């Protein structure tokens, strides 16, 4: 699975970024080697 994950095109993240841009949102990514990554989406209220 590790090799498959590394061969991704990043299309999913690109789509998320596009949606966030349209809604004045932002994305935070924190990752640690061997632990994985945490993706946090911030959207304005209202």
C-alpha atoms as a PDB file:
ATOM      1  CA  UNK A   1       0.000   0.000   0.000  1.00  0.00           C
ATOM      2  CA  UNK A   2       2.845   2.394   0.733  1.00  0.00           C
ATOM      3  CA  UNK A   3       4.118   2.382  -2.845  1.00  0.00           C
ATOM      4  CA  UNK A   4       0.600   2.885  -4.180  1.00  0.00           C
ATOM      5  CA  UNK A   5       0.019   5.915  -1.940  1.00  0.00           C
ATOM      6  CA  UNK A   6       3.251   7.519  -3.125  1.00  0.00           C
ATOM      7  CA  UNK A   7       2.267   7.152  -6.796  1.00  0.00           C
ATOM      8  CA  UNK A   8      -0.898   9.286  -6.427  1.00  0.00           C
ATOM      9  CA  UNK A   9      -1.422  12.284  -8.688  1.00  0.00           C
ATOM     10  CA  UNK A  10      -2.599  14.552  -5.883  1.00  0.00           C
ATOM     11  CA  UNK A  11      -5.872  15.088  -7.763  1.00  0.00           C
ATOM     12  CA  UNK A  12      -7.999  14.653  -4.634  1.00  0.00           C
ATOM     13  CA  UNK A  13      -6.048  17.324  -2.779  1.00  0.00           C
ATOM     14  CA  UNK A  14      -6.256  19.598  -5.826  1.00  0.00           C
ATOM     15  CA  UNK A  15     -10.063  19.275  -5.862  1.00  0.00           C
ATOM     16  CA  UNK A  16     -10.266  20.029  -2.129  1.00  0.00           C
ATOM     17  CA  UNK A  17      -8.064  23.104  -2.590  1.00  0.00           C
ATOM     18  CA  UNK A  18     -10.300  24.337  -5.424  1.00  0.00           C
ATOM     19  CA  UNK A  19     -13.450  23.957  -3.291  1.00  0.00           C
ATOM     20  CA  UNK A  20     -11.823  25.726  -0.337  1.00  0.00           C
ATOM     21  CA  UNK A  21     -10.718  28.621  -2.557  1.00  0.00           C
ATOM     22  CA  UNK A  22     -14.306  29.151  -3.722  1.00  0.00           C
ATOM     23  CA  UNK A  23     -15.569  29.194  -0.114  1.00  0.00           C
ATOM     24  CA  UNK A  24     -12.753  31.276   1.414  1.00  0.00           C
ATOM     25  CA  UNK A  25     -11.598  28.248   3.352  1.00  0.00           C
ATOM     26  CA  UNK A  26      -8.143  26.963   4.103  1.00  0.00           C
ATOM     27  CA  UNK A  27      -6.408  23.664   4.612  1.00  0.00           C
ATOM     28  CA  UNK A  28      -3.838  22.775   7.263  1.00  0.00           C
ATOM     29  CA  UNK A  29      -1.689  19.679   6.915  1.00  0.00           C
ATOM     30  CA  UNK A  30       0.488  18.260   9.673  1.00  0.00           C
ATOM     31  CA  UNK A  31       2.519  15.142   9.025  1.00  0.00           C
ATOM     32  CA  UNK A  32       5.169  13.124  10.799  1.00  0.00           C
ATOM     33  CA  UNK A  33       7.258  10.397   9.242  1.00  0.00           C
ATOM     34  CA  UNK A  34       6.004   7.018  10.400  1.00  0.00           C
ATOM     35  CA  UNK A  35       2.857   8.469  11.960  1.00  0.00           C
ATOM     36  CA  UNK A  36       0.852   9.683   8.975  1.00  0.00           C
ATOM     37  CA  UNK A  37      -0.810  12.996   8.217  1.00  0.00           C
ATOM     38  CA  UNK A  38      -3.680  15.040   9.621  1.00  0.00           C
ATOM     39  CA  UNK A  39      -5.686  17.232   7.252  1.00  0.00           C
ATOM     40  CA  UNK A  40      -7.794  20.003   8.781  1.00  0.00           C
ATOM     41  CA  UNK A  41     -10.305  22.035   6.770  1.00  0.00           C
ATOM     42  CA  UNK A  42     -11.214  25.547   7.986  1.00  0.00           C
ATOM     43  CA  UNK A  43     -14.397  27.119   6.603  1.00  0.00           C
ATOM     44  CA  UNK A  44     -15.855  30.507   7.573  1.00  0.00           C
ATOM     45  CA  UNK A  45     -19.145  30.464   9.504  1.00  0.00           C
ATOM     46  CA  UNK A  46     -22.235  31.704   7.695  1.00  0.00           C
END
